[in-house]
Amino acid sequence: MLSTIRLNNTGDIVKIAQYMLNYAERGKADGIFDDRFAAEVGDWQAKHNLTADYIIGPNTWSAMAKAMPTCSTSKNKTSTYTCAI
């Protein structure tokens, strides 16, 4: 499972979340969990019947993975996490 992330976290794990929530287009995520992204996380959580705690932990990661379509390669289908990376 991916690490829990929250306000003021930065890095590639935040970029993955930004892609998965369609907050940023591929290649344009900044990897900064700022107030704007936290608001987006809370809105997404509320729309998906999760507690809007503005934190992406195990329950939110799991719900995000289930909500995203899989992507495919010429060889096989891979998970959303792989596509985001």
PDB file of N, CA and C in Angstrom:
ATOM      1  N   MET A   1       0.846  -1.179   0.000  1.00  0.00           N
ATOM      2  CA  MET A   1       0.000   0.000   0.000  1.00  0.00           C
ATOM      3  C   MET A   1       0.886   1.234   0.000  1.00  0.00           C
ATOM      4  N   LEU A   2       0.375   2.257  -0.638  1.00  0.00           N
ATOM      5  CA  LEU A   2       1.115   3.510  -0.706  1.00  0.00           C
ATOM      6  C   LEU A   2       1.059   4.239   0.632  1.00  0.00           C
ATOM      7  N   SER A   3       2.020   5.107   0.853  1.00  0.00           N
ATOM      8  CA  SER A   3       2.113   5.860   2.103  1.00  0.00           C
ATOM      9  C   SER A   3       0.951   6.830   2.270  1.00  0.00           C
ATOM     10  N   THR A   4       0.608   7.095   3.521  1.00  0.00           N
ATOM     11  CA  THR A   4      -0.384   8.116   3.828  1.00  0.00           C
ATOM     12  C   THR A   4       0.239   9.486   3.557  1.00  0.00           C
ATOM     13  N   ILE A   5      -0.523  10.324   2.870  1.00  0.00           N
ATOM     14  CA  ILE A   5      -0.038  11.679   2.579  1.00  0.00           C
ATOM     15  C   ILE A   5      -1.082  12.696   3.015  1.00  0.00           C
ATOM     16  N   ARG A   6      -0.581  13.879   3.318  1.00  0.00           N
ATOM     17  CA  ARG A   6      -1.457  14.942   3.828  1.00  0.00           C
ATOM     18  C   ARG A   6      -0.855  16.299   3.513  1.00  0.00           C
ATOM     19  N   LEU A   7      -1.537  17.337   3.958  1.00  0.00           N
ATOM     20  CA  LEU A   7      -1.123  18.719   3.744  1.00  0.00           C
ATOM     21  C   LEU A   7       0.367  18.896   4.046  1.00  0.00           C
ATOM     22  N   ASN A   8       1.048  19.574   3.169  1.00  0.00           N
ATOM     23  CA  ASN A   8       2.475  19.915   3.243  1.00  0.00           C
ATOM     24  C   ASN A   8       3.419  18.787   2.842  1.00  0.00           C
ATOM     25  N   ASN A   9       2.891  17.600   2.501  1.00  0.00           N
ATOM     26  CA  ASN A   9       3.764  16.561   1.949  1.00  0.00           C
ATOM     27  C   ASN A   9       4.112  16.929   0.514  1.00  0.00           C
ATOM     28  N   THR A  10       5.250  16.441   0.064  1.00  0.00           N
ATOM     29  CA  THR A  10       5.691  16.693  -1.308  1.00  0.00           C
ATOM     30  C   THR A  10       6.306  15.426  -1.882  1.00  0.00           C
ATOM     31  N   GLY A  11       6.453  15.413  -3.181  1.00  0.00           N
ATOM     32  CA  GLY A  11       7.175  14.327  -3.821  1.00  0.00           C
ATOM     33  C   GLY A  11       6.350  13.542  -4.820  1.00  0.00           C
ATOM     34  N   ASP A  12       6.964  12.468  -5.294  1.00  0.00           N
ATOM     35  CA  ASP A  12       6.349  11.646  -6.332  1.00  0.00           C
ATOM     36  C   ASP A  12       5.044  11.005  -5.883  1.00  0.00           C
ATOM     37  N   ILE A  13       4.944  10.634  -4.610  1.00  0.00           N
ATOM     38  CA  ILE A  13       3.712  10.013  -4.128  1.00  0.00           C
ATOM     39  C   ILE A  13       2.542  10.988  -4.231  1.00  0.00           C
ATOM     40  N   VAL A  14       2.811  12.262  -4.020  1.00  0.00           N
ATOM     41  CA  VAL A  14       1.769  13.284  -4.175  1.00  0.00           C
ATOM     42  C   VAL A  14       1.422  13.426  -5.655  1.00  0.00           C
ATOM     43  N   LYS A  15       2.415  13.363  -6.519  1.00  0.00           N
ATOM     44  CA  LYS A  15       2.144  13.425  -7.965  1.00  0.00           C
ATOM     45  C   LYS A  15       1.220  12.288  -8.386  1.00  0.00           C
ATOM     46  N   ILE A  16       1.459  11.098  -7.872  1.00  0.00           N
ATOM     47  CA  ILE A  16       0.611   9.956  -8.200  1.00  0.00           C
ATOM     48  C   ILE A  16      -0.834  10.254  -7.808  1.00  0.00           C
ATOM     49  N   ALA A  17      -1.023  10.760  -6.604  1.00  0.00           N
ATOM     50  CA  ALA A  17      -2.378  11.103  -6.151  1.00  0.00           C
ATOM     51  C   ALA A  17      -2.985  12.186  -7.030  1.00  0.00           C
ATOM     52  N   GLN A  18      -2.187  13.171  -7.414  1.00  0.00           N
ATOM     53  CA  GLN A  18      -2.698  14.240  -8.272  1.00  0.00           C
ATOM     54  C   GLN A  18      -3.163  13.694  -9.615  1.00  0.00           C
ATOM     55  N   TYR A  19      -2.435  12.755 -10.171  1.00  0.00           N
ATOM     56  CA  TYR A  19      -2.851  12.115 -11.423  1.00  0.00           C
ATOM     57  C   TYR A  19      -4.124  11.306 -11.216  1.00  0.00           C
ATOM     58  N   MET A  20      -4.155  10.519 -10.159  1.00  0.00           N
ATOM     59  CA  MET A  20      -5.293   9.640  -9.935  1.00  0.00           C
ATOM     60  C   MET A  20      -6.589  10.399  -9.691  1.00  0.00           C
ATOM     61  N   LEU A  21      -6.508  11.579  -9.111  1.00  0.00           N
ATOM     62  CA  LEU A  21      -7.703  12.388  -8.865  1.00  0.00           C
ATOM     63  C   LEU A  21      -7.993  13.351 -10.016  1.00  0.00           C
ATOM     64  N   ASN A  22      -7.240  13.222 -11.097  1.00  0.00           N
ATOM     65  CA  ASN A  22      -7.382  14.119 -12.246  1.00  0.00           C
ATOM     66  C   ASN A  22      -7.191  15.587 -11.858  1.00  0.00           C
ATOM     67  N   TYR A  23      -6.399  15.808 -10.837  1.00  0.00           N
ATOM     68  CA  TYR A  23      -6.066  17.161 -10.400  1.00  0.00           C
ATOM     69  C   TYR A  23      -5.044  17.771 -11.347  1.00  0.00           C
ATOM     70  N   ALA A  24      -4.214  16.931 -11.911  1.00  0.00           N
ATOM     71  CA  ALA A  24      -3.173  17.392 -12.838  1.00  0.00           C
ATOM     72  C   ALA A  24      -3.073  16.420 -13.998  1.00  0.00           C
ATOM     73  N   GLU A  25      -2.795  16.968 -15.153  1.00  0.00           N
ATOM     74  CA  GLU A  25      -2.561  16.126 -16.323  1.00  0.00           C
ATOM     75  C   GLU A  25      -1.196  15.471 -16.197  1.00  0.00           C
ATOM     76  N   ARG A  26      -1.068  14.338 -16.870  1.00  0.00           N
ATOM     77  CA  ARG A  26       0.202  13.626 -16.864  1.00  0.00           C
ATOM     78  C   ARG A  26       1.330  14.578 -17.248  1.00  0.00           C
ATOM     79  N   GLY A  27       2.382  14.589 -16.463  1.00  0.00           N
ATOM     80  CA  GLY A  27       3.532  15.447 -16.729  1.00  0.00           C
ATOM     81  C   GLY A  27       3.402  16.851 -16.166  1.00  0.00           C
ATOM     82  N   LYS A  28       2.232  17.179 -15.585  1.00  0.00           N
ATOM     83  CA  LYS A  28       2.032  18.543 -15.091  1.00  0.00           C
ATOM     84  C   LYS A  28       1.776  18.614 -13.593  1.00  0.00           C
ATOM     85  N   ALA A  29       1.836  17.498 -12.916  1.00  0.00           N
ATOM     86  CA  ALA A  29       1.646  17.512 -11.466  1.00  0.00           C
ATOM     87  C   ALA A  29       2.867  18.142 -10.806  1.00  0.00           C
ATOM     88  N   ASP A  30       2.629  18.914  -9.746  1.00  0.00           N
ATOM     89  CA  ASP A  30       3.751  19.572  -9.072  1.00  0.00           C
ATOM     90  C   ASP A  30       4.245  18.814  -7.852  1.00  0.00           C
ATOM     91  N   GLY A  31       3.495  17.806  -7.397  1.00  0.00           N
ATOM     92  CA  GLY A  31       3.937  17.017  -6.262  1.00  0.00           C
ATOM     93  C   GLY A  31       3.869  17.733  -4.931  1.00  0.00           C
ATOM     94  N   ILE A  32       3.029  18.763  -4.849  1.00  0.00           N
ATOM     95  CA  ILE A  32       2.902  19.538  -3.613  1.00  0.00           C
ATOM     96  C   ILE A  32       1.477  19.383  -3.075  1.00  0.00           C
ATOM     97  N   PHE A  33       1.348  18.882  -1.876  1.00  0.00           N
ATOM     98  CA  PHE A  33       0.045  18.714  -1.228  1.00  0.00           C
ATOM     99  C   PHE A  33      -0.248  20.023  -0.495  1.00  0.00           C
ATOM    100  N   ASP A  34      -0.766  20.978  -1.251  1.00  0.00           N
ATOM    101  CA  ASP A  34      -1.062  22.301  -0.695  1.00  0.00           C
ATOM    102  C   ASP A  34      -2.554  22.403  -0.371  1.00  0.00           C
ATOM    103  N   ASP A  35      -2.984  23.603   0.044  1.00  0.00           N
ATOM    104  CA  ASP A  35      -4.382  23.805   0.420  1.00  0.00           C
ATOM    105  C   ASP A  35      -5.345  23.508  -0.725  1.00  0.00           C
ATOM    106  N   ARG A  36      -4.979  23.884  -1.933  1.00  0.00           N
ATOM    107  CA  ARG A  36      -5.852  23.646  -3.088  1.00  0.00           C
ATOM    108  C   ARG A  36      -6.025  22.152  -3.332  1.00  0.00           C
ATOM    109  N   PHE A  37      -4.944  21.406  -3.264  1.00  0.00           N
ATOM    110  CA  PHE A  37      -5.051  19.971  -3.478  1.00  0.00           C
ATOM    111  C   PHE A  37      -5.796  19.309  -2.323  1.00  0.00           C
ATOM    112  N   ALA A  38      -5.576  19.775  -1.102  1.00  0.00           N
ATOM    113  CA  ALA A  38      -6.297  19.228   0.051  1.00  0.00           C
ATOM    114  C   ALA A  38      -7.804  19.406  -0.129  1.00  0.00           C
ATOM    115  N   ALA A  39      -8.230  20.563  -0.621  1.00  0.00           N
ATOM    116  CA  ALA A  39      -9.652  20.798  -0.876  1.00  0.00           C
ATOM    117  C   ALA A  39     -10.186  19.816  -1.917  1.00  0.00           C
ATOM    118  N   GLU A  40      -9.395  19.564  -2.941  1.00  0.00           N
ATOM    119  CA  GLU A  40      -9.778  18.599  -3.977  1.00  0.00           C
ATOM    120  C   GLU A  40      -9.917  17.195  -3.384  1.00  0.00           C
ATOM    121  N   VAL A  41      -8.996  16.831  -2.524  1.00  0.00           N
ATOM    122  CA  VAL A  41      -9.042  15.520  -1.865  1.00  0.00           C
ATOM    123  C   VAL A  41     -10.320  15.408  -1.033  1.00  0.00           C
ATOM    124  N   GLY A  42     -10.608  16.418  -0.233  1.00  0.00           N
ATOM    125  CA  GLY A  42     -11.813  16.404   0.604  1.00  0.00           C
ATOM    126  C   GLY A  42     -13.083  16.307  -0.223  1.00  0.00           C
ATOM    127  N   ASP A  43     -13.151  17.054  -1.311  1.00  0.00           N
ATOM    128  CA  ASP A  43     -14.316  16.991  -2.195  1.00  0.00           C
ATOM    129  C   ASP A  43     -14.469  15.591  -2.781  1.00  0.00           C
ATOM    130  N   TRP A  44     -13.359  15.006  -3.233  1.00  0.00           N
ATOM    131  CA  TRP A  44     -13.392  13.673  -3.821  1.00  0.00           C
ATOM    132  C   TRP A  44     -13.851  12.646  -2.782  1.00  0.00           C
ATOM    133  N   GLN A  45     -13.312  12.764  -1.572  1.00  0.00           N
ATOM    134  CA  GLN A  45     -13.695  11.825  -0.516  1.00  0.00           C
ATOM    135  C   GLN A  45     -15.199  11.907  -0.237  1.00  0.00           C
ATOM    136  N   ALA A  46     -15.723  13.121  -0.126  1.00  0.00           N
ATOM    137  CA  ALA A  46     -17.153  13.300   0.158  1.00  0.00           C
ATOM    138  C   ALA A  46     -18.006  12.704  -0.963  1.00  0.00           C
ATOM    139  N   LYS A  47     -17.601  12.904  -2.209  1.00  0.00           N
ATOM    140  CA  LYS A  47     -18.351  12.378  -3.354  1.00  0.00           C
ATOM    141  C   LYS A  47     -18.312  10.858  -3.418  1.00  0.00           C
ATOM    142  N   HIS A  48     -17.327  10.258  -2.780  1.00  0.00           N
ATOM    143  CA  HIS A  48     -17.179   8.799  -2.806  1.00  0.00           C
ATOM    144  C   HIS A  48     -17.488   8.151  -1.458  1.00  0.00           C
ATOM    145  N   ASN A  49     -18.317   8.844  -0.667  1.00  0.00           N
ATOM    146  CA  ASN A  49     -18.816   8.319   0.611  1.00  0.00           C
ATOM    147  C   ASN A  49     -17.715   7.946   1.604  1.00  0.00           C
ATOM    148  N   LEU A  50     -16.656   8.722   1.592  1.00  0.00           N
ATOM    149  CA  LEU A  50     -15.583   8.571   2.579  1.00  0.00           C
ATOM    150  C   LEU A  50     -15.620   9.772   3.518  1.00  0.00           C
ATOM    151  N   THR A  51     -15.046   9.626   4.691  1.00  0.00           N
ATOM    152  CA  THR A  51     -14.905  10.769   5.589  1.00  0.00           C
ATOM    153  C   THR A  51     -13.957  11.766   4.941  1.00  0.00           C
ATOM    154  N   ALA A  52     -14.421  13.005   4.805  1.00  0.00           N
ATOM    155  CA  ALA A  52     -13.597  14.041   4.174  1.00  0.00           C
ATOM    156  C   ALA A  52     -12.594  14.568   5.200  1.00  0.00           C
ATOM    157  N   ASP A  53     -11.498  13.822   5.349  1.00  0.00           N
ATOM    158  CA  ASP A  53     -10.465  14.210   6.313  1.00  0.00           C
ATOM    159  C   ASP A  53      -9.271  14.877   5.641  1.00  0.00           C
ATOM    160  N   TYR A  54      -9.312  14.990   4.308  1.00  0.00           N
ATOM    161  CA  TYR A  54      -8.271  15.673   3.521  1.00  0.00           C
ATOM    162  C   TYR A  54      -6.919  14.966   3.588  1.00  0.00           C
ATOM    163  N   ILE A  55      -6.943  13.716   3.982  1.00  0.00           N
ATOM    164  CA  ILE A  55      -5.739  12.891   4.082  1.00  0.00           C
ATOM    165  C   ILE A  55      -5.928  11.695   3.145  1.00  0.00           C
ATOM    166  N   ILE A  56      -4.898  11.348   2.407  1.00  0.00           N
ATOM    167  CA  ILE A  56      -4.971  10.170   1.554  1.00  0.00           C
ATOM    168  C   ILE A  56      -4.242   9.038   2.268  1.00  0.00           C
ATOM    169  N   GLY A  57      -5.046   8.204   2.900  1.00  0.00           N
ATOM    170  CA  GLY A  57      -4.537   7.039   3.614  1.00  0.00           C
ATOM    171  C   GLY A  57      -5.040   5.768   2.945  1.00  0.00           C
ATOM    172  N   PRO A  58      -4.944   4.628   3.627  1.00  0.00           N
ATOM    173  CA  PRO A  58      -5.303   3.346   3.014  1.00  0.00           C
ATOM    174  C   PRO A  58      -6.711   3.303   2.409  1.00  0.00           C
ATOM    175  N   ASN A  59      -7.707   3.828   3.118  1.00  0.00           N
ATOM    176  CA  ASN A  59      -9.078   3.778   2.603  1.00  0.00           C
ATOM    177  C   ASN A  59      -9.234   4.629   1.348  1.00  0.00           C
ATOM    178  N   THR A  60      -8.631   5.797   1.339  1.00  0.00           N
ATOM    179  CA  THR A  60      -8.750   6.671   0.170  1.00  0.00           C
ATOM    180  C   THR A  60      -7.958   6.117  -0.997  1.00  0.00           C
ATOM    181  N   TRP A  61      -6.743   5.616  -0.750  1.00  0.00           N
ATOM    182  CA  TRP A  61      -5.970   5.006  -1.841  1.00  0.00           C
ATOM    183  C   TRP A  61      -6.776   3.872  -2.473  1.00  0.00           C
ATOM    184  N   SER A  62      -7.356   3.030  -1.641  1.00  0.00           N
ATOM    185  CA  SER A  62      -8.122   1.897  -2.143  1.00  0.00           C
ATOM    186  C   SER A  62      -9.317   2.360  -2.974  1.00  0.00           C
ATOM    187  N   ALA A  63     -10.047   3.335  -2.473  1.00  0.00           N
ATOM    188  CA  ALA A  63     -11.202   3.866  -3.206  1.00  0.00           C
ATOM    189  C   ALA A  63     -10.767   4.517  -4.511  1.00  0.00           C
ATOM    190  N   MET A  64      -9.643   5.217  -4.489  1.00  0.00           N
ATOM    191  CA  MET A  64      -9.140   5.847  -5.705  1.00  0.00           C
ATOM    192  C   MET A  64      -8.795   4.791  -6.746  1.00  0.00           C
ATOM    193  N   ALA A  65      -8.155   3.710  -6.311  1.00  0.00           N
ATOM    194  CA  ALA A  65      -7.769   2.649  -7.237  1.00  0.00           C
ATOM    195  C   ALA A  65      -9.003   1.998  -7.853  1.00  0.00           C
ATOM    196  N   LYS A  66     -10.038   1.800  -7.048  1.00  0.00           N
ATOM    197  CA  LYS A  66     -11.264   1.186  -7.553  1.00  0.00           C
ATOM    198  C   LYS A  66     -12.017   2.111  -8.500  1.00  0.00           C
ATOM    199  N   ALA A  67     -11.900   3.413  -8.294  1.00  0.00           N
ATOM    200  CA  ALA A  67     -12.634   4.384  -9.110  1.00  0.00           C
ATOM    201  C   ALA A  67     -11.974   4.657 -10.454  1.00  0.00           C
ATOM    202  N   MET A  68     -10.692   4.376 -10.547  1.00  0.00           N
ATOM    203  CA  MET A  68      -9.957   4.665 -11.774  1.00  0.00           C
ATOM    204  C   MET A  68     -10.027   3.489 -12.735  1.00  0.00           C
ATOM    205  N   PRO A  69     -10.115   3.781 -14.022  1.00  0.00           N
ATOM    206  CA  PRO A  69     -10.065   2.678 -14.989  1.00  0.00           C
ATOM    207  C   PRO A  69      -8.649   2.119 -15.063  1.00  0.00           C
ATOM    208  N   THR A  70      -8.553   0.904 -15.488  1.00  0.00           N
ATOM    209  CA  THR A  70      -7.221   0.354 -15.708  1.00  0.00           C
ATOM    210  C   THR A  70      -6.713   0.862 -17.047  1.00  0.00           C
ATOM    211  N   CYS A  71      -5.439   0.857 -17.209  1.00  0.00           N
ATOM    212  CA  CYS A  71      -4.870   1.197 -18.507  1.00  0.00           C
ATOM    213  C   CYS A  71      -4.341  -0.099 -19.095  1.00  0.00           C
ATOM    214  N   SER A  72      -4.122  -0.091 -20.354  1.00  0.00           N
ATOM    215  CA  SER A  72      -3.634  -1.329 -20.942  1.00  0.00           C
ATOM    216  C   SER A  72      -2.383  -1.077 -21.759  1.00  0.00           C
ATOM    217  N   THR A  73      -1.605  -2.087 -21.842  1.00  0.00           N
ATOM    218  CA  THR A  73      -0.434  -2.078 -22.700  1.00  0.00           C
ATOM    219  C   THR A  73      -0.691  -3.133 -23.765  1.00  0.00           C
ATOM    220  N   SER A  74       0.178  -3.266 -24.684  1.00  0.00           N
ATOM    221  CA  SER A  74      -0.015  -4.278 -25.714  1.00  0.00           C
ATOM    222  C   SER A  74       0.084  -5.688 -25.139  1.00  0.00           C
ATOM    223  N   LYS A  75       0.688  -5.821 -23.962  1.00  0.00           N
ATOM    224  CA  LYS A  75       0.882  -7.147 -23.374  1.00  0.00           C
ATOM    225  C   LYS A  75      -0.178  -7.524 -22.350  1.00  0.00           C
ATOM    226  N   ASN A  76      -0.581  -6.553 -21.525  1.00  0.00           N
ATOM    227  CA  ASN A  76      -1.544  -6.887 -20.485  1.00  0.00           C
ATOM    228  C   ASN A  76      -2.150  -5.631 -19.872  1.00  0.00           C
ATOM    229  N   LYS A  77      -3.103  -5.828 -18.998  1.00  0.00           N
ATOM    230  CA  LYS A  77      -3.686  -4.707 -18.276  1.00  0.00           C
ATOM    231  C   LYS A  77      -2.908  -4.511 -16.984  1.00  0.00           C
ATOM    232  N   THR A  78      -2.738  -3.272 -16.611  1.00  0.00           N
ATOM    233  CA  THR A  78      -2.038  -2.964 -15.373  1.00  0.00           C
ATOM    234  C   THR A  78      -2.903  -2.088 -14.485  1.00  0.00           C
ATOM    235  N   SER A  79      -2.536  -1.958 -13.262  1.00  0.00           N
ATOM    236  CA  SER A  79      -3.334  -1.185 -12.321  1.00  0.00           C
ATOM    237  C   SER A  79      -3.187   0.311 -12.538  1.00  0.00           C
ATOM    238  N   THR A  80      -4.107   1.045 -11.941  1.00  0.00           N
ATOM    239  CA  THR A  80      -4.064   2.493 -12.019  1.00  0.00           C
ATOM    240  C   THR A  80      -2.774   3.037 -11.427  1.00  0.00           C
ATOM    241  N   TYR A  81      -2.291   2.413 -10.343  1.00  0.00           N
ATOM    242  CA  TYR A  81      -1.050   2.883  -9.735  1.00  0.00           C
ATOM    243  C   TYR A  81       0.090   2.858 -10.760  1.00  0.00           C
ATOM    244  N   THR A  82       0.161   1.767 -11.509  1.00  0.00           N
ATOM    245  CA  THR A  82       1.199   1.655 -12.518  1.00  0.00           C
ATOM    246  C   THR A  82       1.028   2.709 -13.587  1.00  0.00           C
ATOM    247  N   CYS A  83      -0.194   2.933 -14.013  1.00  0.00           N
ATOM    248  CA  CYS A  83      -0.452   3.956 -15.029  1.00  0.00           C
ATOM    249  C   CYS A  83      -0.055   5.338 -14.526  1.00  0.00           C
ATOM    250  N   ALA A  84      -0.370   5.627 -13.281  1.00  0.00           N
ATOM    251  CA  ALA A  84      -0.050   6.937 -12.714  1.00  0.00           C
ATOM    252  C   ALA A  84       1.454   7.153 -12.650  1.00  0.00           C
ATOM    253  N   ILE A  85       2.177   6.106 -12.300  1.00  0.00           N
ATOM    254  CA  ILE A  85       3.626   6.202 -12.209  1.00  0.00           C
ATOM    255  C   ILE A  85       4.196   6.352 -13.591  1.00  0.00           C
TER     256      ILE A  85
END
